[in-house]
Amino acid sequence: MVQYIRVGRMVNRHDVSVVGQMVTTGSYFPHCMEFTVTIGLVATGLLSYTLITRYFPVFAETIPVQGSD
């Protein structure tokens, strides 16, 4: 079993090094769907953060001290 893991790592490292050294012939610009998915993921993360901090006791509430003036 360990041999398969070692071979897999070697093949992965070889693949990464070969692909990293290949010369590209064209250019790439993301499709509008890729932008949409990225914006959606960021919006989902922000919405989750907002809802969790609003409805769960994440931040400690401060109690005002009276008569300290």
PDB file of N, CA and C in Angstrom:
ATOM      1  N   MET A   1       0.824  -1.196   0.000  1.00  0.00           N
ATOM      2  CA  MET A   1       0.000   0.000   0.000  1.00  0.00           C
ATOM      3  C   MET A   1       0.865   1.256   0.000  1.00  0.00           C
ATOM      4  N   VAL A   2       1.941   1.219   0.775  1.00  0.00           N
ATOM      5  CA  VAL A   2       2.829   2.372   0.855  1.00  0.00           C
ATOM      6  C   VAL A   2       3.499   2.618  -0.496  1.00  0.00           C
ATOM      7  N   GLN A   3       3.769   1.541  -1.232  1.00  0.00           N
ATOM      8  CA  GLN A   3       4.408   1.699  -2.533  1.00  0.00           C
ATOM      9  C   GLN A   3       3.518   2.492  -3.485  1.00  0.00           C
ATOM     10  N   TYR A   4       2.217   2.254  -3.424  1.00  0.00           N
ATOM     11  CA  TYR A   4       1.294   2.987  -4.288  1.00  0.00           C
ATOM     12  C   TYR A   4       1.297   4.477  -3.955  1.00  0.00           C
ATOM     13  N   ILE A   5       1.380   4.782  -2.675  1.00  0.00           N
ATOM     14  CA  ILE A   5       1.423   6.190  -2.264  1.00  0.00           C
ATOM     15  C   ILE A   5       2.708   6.838  -2.753  1.00  0.00           C
ATOM     16  N   ARG A   6       3.830   6.136  -2.622  1.00  0.00           N
ATOM     17  CA  ARG A   6       5.110   6.686  -3.087  1.00  0.00           C
ATOM     18  C   ARG A   6       5.105   6.891  -4.598  1.00  0.00           C
ATOM     19  N   VAL A   7       4.611   5.914  -5.328  1.00  0.00           N
ATOM     20  CA  VAL A   7       4.546   6.045  -6.786  1.00  0.00           C
ATOM     21  C   VAL A   7       3.614   7.188  -7.168  1.00  0.00           C
ATOM     22  N   GLY A   8       2.505   7.312  -6.479  1.00  0.00           N
ATOM     23  CA  GLY A   8       1.578   8.404  -6.753  1.00  0.00           C
ATOM     24  C   GLY A   8       2.210   9.756  -6.521  1.00  0.00           C
ATOM     25  N   ARG A   9       2.971   9.886  -5.454  1.00  0.00           N
ATOM     26  CA  ARG A   9       3.662  11.155  -5.189  1.00  0.00           C
ATOM     27  C   ARG A   9       4.692  11.461  -6.269  1.00  0.00           C
ATOM     28  N   MET A  10       5.452  10.435  -6.679  1.00  0.00           N
ATOM     29  CA  MET A  10       6.463  10.661  -7.712  1.00  0.00           C
ATOM     30  C   MET A  10       5.812  11.064  -9.028  1.00  0.00           C
ATOM     31  N   VAL A  11       4.737  10.400  -9.396  1.00  0.00           N
ATOM     32  CA  VAL A  11       4.047  10.736 -10.643  1.00  0.00           C
ATOM     33  C   VAL A  11       3.469  12.140 -10.556  1.00  0.00           C
ATOM     34  N   ASN A  12       2.906  12.501  -9.417  1.00  0.00           N
ATOM     35  CA  ASN A  12       2.346  13.835  -9.251  1.00  0.00           C
ATOM     36  C   ASN A  12       3.438  14.890  -9.360  1.00  0.00           C
ATOM     37  N   ARG A  13       4.571  14.685  -8.709  1.00  0.00           N
ATOM     38  CA  ARG A  13       5.662  15.656  -8.780  1.00  0.00           C
ATOM     39  C   ARG A  13       6.197  15.763 -10.210  1.00  0.00           C
ATOM     40  N   HIS A  14       6.309  14.643 -10.883  1.00  0.00           N
ATOM     41  CA  HIS A  14       6.784  14.670 -12.264  1.00  0.00           C
ATOM     42  C   HIS A  14       5.788  15.418 -13.146  1.00  0.00           C
ATOM     43  N   ASP A  15       4.503  15.149 -12.959  1.00  0.00           N
ATOM     44  CA  ASP A  15       3.473  15.810 -13.751  1.00  0.00           C
ATOM     45  C   ASP A  15       3.488  17.314 -13.512  1.00  0.00           C
ATOM     46  N   VAL A  16       3.613  17.728 -12.262  1.00  0.00           N
ATOM     47  CA  VAL A  16       3.634  19.154 -11.944  1.00  0.00           C
ATOM     48  C   VAL A  16       4.853  19.823 -12.555  1.00  0.00           C
ATOM     49  N   SER A  17       6.010  19.177 -12.490  1.00  0.00           N
ATOM     50  CA  SER A  17       7.214  19.803 -13.033  1.00  0.00           C
ATOM     51  C   SER A  17       7.169  19.872 -14.556  1.00  0.00           C
ATOM     52  N   VAL A  18       6.636  18.853 -15.208  1.00  0.00           N
ATOM     53  CA  VAL A  18       6.565  18.862 -16.674  1.00  0.00           C
ATOM     54  C   VAL A  18       5.560  19.895 -17.154  1.00  0.00           C
ATOM     55  N   VAL A  19       4.383  19.934 -16.550  1.00  0.00           N
ATOM     56  CA  VAL A  19       3.361  20.892 -16.960  1.00  0.00           C
ATOM     57  C   VAL A  19       3.820  22.313 -16.663  1.00  0.00           C
ATOM     58  N   GLY A  20       4.540  22.516 -15.577  1.00  0.00           N
ATOM     59  CA  GLY A  20       5.031  23.849 -15.237  1.00  0.00           C
ATOM     60  C   GLY A  20       6.069  24.367 -16.206  1.00  0.00           C
ATOM     61  N   GLN A  21       6.769  23.486 -16.900  1.00  0.00           N
ATOM     62  CA  GLN A  21       7.805  23.910 -17.828  1.00  0.00           C
ATOM     63  C   GLN A  21       7.327  23.964 -19.275  1.00  0.00           C
ATOM     64  N   MET A  22       6.081  23.601 -19.527  1.00  0.00           N
ATOM     65  CA  MET A  22       5.572  23.636 -20.893  1.00  0.00           C
ATOM     66  C   MET A  22       5.382  25.078 -21.350  1.00  0.00           C
ATOM     67  N   VAL A  23       5.668  25.324 -22.610  1.00  0.00           N
ATOM     68  CA  VAL A  23       5.508  26.648 -23.188  1.00  0.00           C
ATOM     69  C   VAL A  23       4.071  26.780 -23.683  1.00  0.00           C
ATOM     70  N   THR A  24       3.411  27.854 -23.276  1.00  0.00           N
ATOM     71  CA  THR A  24       2.036  28.069 -23.722  1.00  0.00           C
ATOM     72  C   THR A  24       2.037  28.835 -25.036  1.00  0.00           C
ATOM     73  N   THR A  25       1.038  28.560 -25.853  1.00  0.00           N
ATOM     74  CA  THR A  25       0.963  29.214 -27.158  1.00  0.00           C
ATOM     75  C   THR A  25      -0.167  30.223 -27.233  1.00  0.00           C
ATOM     76  N   GLY A  26      -1.050  30.236 -26.283  1.00  0.00           N
ATOM     77  CA  GLY A  26      -2.195  31.135 -26.350  1.00  0.00           C
ATOM     78  C   GLY A  26      -2.375  31.901 -25.057  1.00  0.00           C
ATOM     79  N   SER A  27      -3.469  32.614 -25.006  1.00  0.00           N
ATOM     80  CA  SER A  27      -3.789  33.352 -23.790  1.00  0.00           C
ATOM     81  C   SER A  27      -5.098  32.815 -23.217  1.00  0.00           C
ATOM     82  N   TYR A  28      -5.366  33.171 -21.980  1.00  0.00           N
ATOM     83  CA  TYR A  28      -6.558  32.666 -21.310  1.00  0.00           C
ATOM     84  C   TYR A  28      -7.245  33.815 -20.599  1.00  0.00           C
ATOM     85  N   PHE A  29      -8.550  33.897 -20.762  1.00  0.00           N
ATOM     86  CA  PHE A  29      -9.366  34.840 -20.013  1.00  0.00           C
ATOM     87  C   PHE A  29     -10.560  34.069 -19.483  1.00  0.00           C
ATOM     88  N   PRO A  30     -10.870  34.210 -18.188  1.00  0.00           N
ATOM     89  CA  PRO A  30     -11.953  33.422 -17.602  1.00  0.00           C
ATOM     90  C   PRO A  30     -13.303  33.701 -18.254  1.00  0.00           C
ATOM     91  N   HIS A  31     -14.111  32.679 -18.320  1.00  0.00           N
ATOM     92  CA  HIS A  31     -15.463  32.776 -18.842  1.00  0.00           C
ATOM     93  C   HIS A  31     -16.332  33.499 -17.815  1.00  0.00           C
ATOM     94  N   CYS A  32     -17.424  34.082 -18.259  1.00  0.00           N
ATOM     95  CA  CYS A  32     -18.290  34.828 -17.338  1.00  0.00           C
ATOM     96  C   CYS A  32     -18.863  33.919 -16.257  1.00  0.00           C
ATOM     97  N   MET A  33     -19.040  32.643 -16.536  1.00  0.00           N
ATOM     98  CA  MET A  33     -19.540  31.715 -15.527  1.00  0.00           C
ATOM     99  C   MET A  33     -18.525  31.540 -14.394  1.00  0.00           C
ATOM    100  N   GLU A  34     -17.232  31.587 -14.707  1.00  0.00           N
ATOM    101  CA  GLU A  34     -16.213  31.484 -13.667  1.00  0.00           C
ATOM    102  C   GLU A  34     -16.256  32.697 -12.751  1.00  0.00           C
ATOM    103  N   PHE A  35     -16.452  33.876 -13.316  1.00  0.00           N
ATOM    104  CA  PHE A  35     -16.608  35.077 -12.496  1.00  0.00           C
ATOM    105  C   PHE A  35     -17.848  34.959 -11.618  1.00  0.00           C
ATOM    106  N   THR A  36     -18.938  34.468 -12.188  1.00  0.00           N
ATOM    107  CA  THR A  36     -20.193  34.335 -11.450  1.00  0.00           C
ATOM    108  C   THR A  36     -20.046  33.361 -10.284  1.00  0.00           C
ATOM    109  N   VAL A  37     -19.395  32.241 -10.508  1.00  0.00           N
ATOM    110  CA  VAL A  37     -19.196  31.257  -9.443  1.00  0.00           C
ATOM    111  C   VAL A  37     -18.322  31.844  -8.338  1.00  0.00           C
ATOM    112  N   THR A  38     -17.267  32.553  -8.708  1.00  0.00           N
ATOM    113  CA  THR A  38     -16.385  33.160  -7.715  1.00  0.00           C
ATOM    114  C   THR A  38     -17.121  34.189  -6.878  1.00  0.00           C
ATOM    115  N   ILE A  39     -17.883  35.052  -7.527  1.00  0.00           N
ATOM    116  CA  ILE A  39     -18.650  36.069  -6.805  1.00  0.00           C
ATOM    117  C   ILE A  39     -19.689  35.403  -5.905  1.00  0.00           C
ATOM    118  N   GLY A  40     -20.319  34.339  -6.387  1.00  0.00           N
ATOM    119  CA  GLY A  40     -21.298  33.618  -5.581  1.00  0.00           C
ATOM    120  C   GLY A  40     -20.681  32.972  -4.350  1.00  0.00           C
ATOM    121  N   LEU A  41     -19.496  32.399  -4.493  1.00  0.00           N
ATOM    122  CA  LEU A  41     -18.825  31.786  -3.347  1.00  0.00           C
ATOM    123  C   LEU A  41     -18.432  32.827  -2.309  1.00  0.00           C
ATOM    124  N   VAL A  42     -17.921  33.960  -2.766  1.00  0.00           N
ATOM    125  CA  VAL A  42     -17.559  35.032  -1.835  1.00  0.00           C
ATOM    126  C   VAL A  42     -18.803  35.559  -1.133  1.00  0.00           C
ATOM    127  N   ALA A  43     -19.891  35.762  -1.881  1.00  0.00           N
ATOM    128  CA  ALA A  43     -21.134  36.254  -1.286  1.00  0.00           C
ATOM    129  C   ALA A  43     -21.698  35.252  -0.279  1.00  0.00           C
ATOM    130  N   THR A  44     -21.606  33.963  -0.581  1.00  0.00           N
ATOM    131  CA  THR A  44     -22.075  32.941   0.352  1.00  0.00           C
ATOM    132  C   THR A  44     -21.249  32.958   1.633  1.00  0.00           C
ATOM    133  N   GLY A  45     -19.952  33.122   1.501  1.00  0.00           N
ATOM    134  CA  GLY A  45     -19.092  33.206   2.681  1.00  0.00           C
ATOM    135  C   GLY A  45     -19.408  34.417   3.537  1.00  0.00           C
ATOM    136  N   LEU A  46     -19.601  35.570   2.902  1.00  0.00           N
ATOM    137  CA  LEU A  46     -19.939  36.782   3.650  1.00  0.00           C
ATOM    138  C   LEU A  46     -21.302  36.661   4.322  1.00  0.00           C
ATOM    139  N   LEU A  47     -22.269  36.098   3.622  1.00  0.00           N
ATOM    140  CA  LEU A  47     -23.591  35.910   4.210  1.00  0.00           C
ATOM    141  C   LEU A  47     -23.531  34.946   5.395  1.00  0.00           C
ATOM    142  N   SER A  48     -22.781  33.865   5.250  1.00  0.00           N
ATOM    143  CA  SER A  48     -22.634  32.906   6.353  1.00  0.00           C
ATOM    144  C   SER A  48     -21.990  33.567   7.562  1.00  0.00           C
ATOM    145  N   TYR A  49     -20.937  34.338   7.336  1.00  0.00           N
ATOM    146  CA  TYR A  49     -20.261  35.035   8.429  1.00  0.00           C
ATOM    147  C   TYR A  49     -21.214  35.997   9.123  1.00  0.00           C
ATOM    148  N   THR A  50     -21.972  36.757   8.341  1.00  0.00           N
ATOM    149  CA  THR A  50     -22.909  37.721   8.912  1.00  0.00           C
ATOM    150  C   THR A  50     -23.978  37.028   9.745  1.00  0.00           C
ATOM    151  N   LEU A  51     -24.556  35.963   9.225  1.00  0.00           N
ATOM    152  CA  LEU A  51     -25.610  35.262   9.955  1.00  0.00           C
ATOM    153  C   LEU A  51     -25.083  34.575  11.213  1.00  0.00           C
ATOM    154  N   ILE A  52     -23.915  33.985  11.123  1.00  0.00           N
ATOM    155  CA  ILE A  52     -23.350  33.307  12.287  1.00  0.00           C
ATOM    156  C   ILE A  52     -23.025  34.305  13.388  1.00  0.00           C
ATOM    157  N   THR A  53     -22.424  35.445  13.025  1.00  0.00           N
ATOM    158  CA  THR A  53     -22.092  36.426  14.059  1.00  0.00           C
ATOM    159  C   THR A  53     -23.322  37.118  14.614  1.00  0.00           C
ATOM    160  N   ARG A  54     -24.399  37.141  13.875  1.00  0.00           N
ATOM    161  CA  ARG A  54     -25.619  37.784  14.359  1.00  0.00           C
ATOM    162  C   ARG A  54     -26.405  36.864  15.292  1.00  0.00           C
ATOM    163  N   TYR A  55     -26.506  35.587  14.971  1.00  0.00           N
ATOM    164  CA  TYR A  55     -27.388  34.687  15.711  1.00  0.00           C
ATOM    165  C   TYR A  55     -26.681  33.749  16.694  1.00  0.00           C
ATOM    166  N   PHE A  56     -25.366  33.718  16.690  1.00  0.00           N
ATOM    167  CA  PHE A  56     -24.630  32.896  17.641  1.00  0.00           C
ATOM    168  C   PHE A  56     -23.741  33.792  18.496  1.00  0.00           C
ATOM    169  N   PRO A  57     -23.454  33.389  19.731  1.00  0.00           N
ATOM    170  CA  PRO A  57     -22.631  34.239  20.604  1.00  0.00           C
ATOM    171  C   PRO A  57     -21.142  34.151  20.251  1.00  0.00           C
ATOM    172  N   VAL A  58     -20.775  34.753  19.154  1.00  0.00           N
ATOM    173  CA  VAL A  58     -19.388  34.712  18.706  1.00  0.00           C
ATOM    174  C   VAL A  58     -18.568  35.776  19.420  1.00  0.00           C
ATOM    175  N   PHE A  59     -19.079  36.995  19.453  1.00  0.00           N
ATOM    176  CA  PHE A  59     -18.380  38.101  20.087  1.00  0.00           C
ATOM    177  C   PHE A  59     -18.955  38.327  21.479  1.00  0.00           C
ATOM    178  N   ALA A  60     -18.095  38.625  22.430  1.00  0.00           N
ATOM    179  CA  ALA A  60     -18.550  38.874  23.799  1.00  0.00           C
ATOM    180  C   ALA A  60     -19.273  40.216  23.856  1.00  0.00           C
ATOM    181  N   GLU A  61     -20.389  40.224  24.561  1.00  0.00           N
ATOM    182  CA  GLU A  61     -21.123  41.473  24.715  1.00  0.00           C
ATOM    183  C   GLU A  61     -20.466  42.298  25.812  1.00  0.00           C
ATOM    184  N   THR A  62     -20.379  43.596  25.596  1.00  0.00           N
ATOM    185  CA  THR A  62     -19.794  44.479  26.602  1.00  0.00           C
ATOM    186  C   THR A  62     -20.900  45.041  27.474  1.00  0.00           C
ATOM    187  N   ILE A  63     -20.652  45.052  28.755  1.00  0.00           N
ATOM    188  CA  ILE A  63     -21.617  45.590  29.710  1.00  0.00           C
ATOM    189  C   ILE A  63     -21.147  46.986  30.090  1.00  0.00           C
ATOM    190  N   PRO A  64     -21.991  48.000  29.885  1.00  0.00           N
ATOM    191  CA  PRO A  64     -21.557  49.361  30.213  1.00  0.00           C
ATOM    192  C   PRO A  64     -21.384  49.539  31.723  1.00  0.00           C
ATOM    193  N   VAL A  65     -20.319  50.214  32.089  1.00  0.00           N
ATOM    194  CA  VAL A  65     -20.029  50.484  33.494  1.00  0.00           C
ATOM    195  C   VAL A  65     -20.647  51.824  33.850  1.00  0.00           C
ATOM    196  N   GLN A  66     -21.481  51.843  34.886  1.00  0.00           N
ATOM    197  CA  GLN A  66     -22.149  53.079  35.280  1.00  0.00           C
ATOM    198  C   GLN A  66     -21.385  53.749  36.417  1.00  0.00           C
ATOM    199  N   GLY A  67     -21.367  55.071  36.375  1.00  0.00           N
ATOM    200  CA  GLY A  67     -20.749  55.843  37.442  1.00  0.00           C
ATOM    201  C   GLY A  67     -19.239  55.915  37.379  1.00  0.00           C
ATOM    202  N   SER A  68     -18.653  55.632  36.244  1.00  0.00           N
ATOM    203  CA  SER A  68     -17.196  55.707  36.136  1.00  0.00           C
ATOM    204  C   SER A  68     -16.732  57.050  35.600  1.00  0.00           C
ATOM    205  N   ASP A  69     -17.652  57.987  35.395  1.00  0.00           N
ATOM    206  CA  ASP A  69     -17.279  59.304  34.859  1.00  0.00           C
ATOM    207  C   ASP A  69     -16.528  60.084  35.848  1.00  0.00           C
TER     208      ASP A  69
END
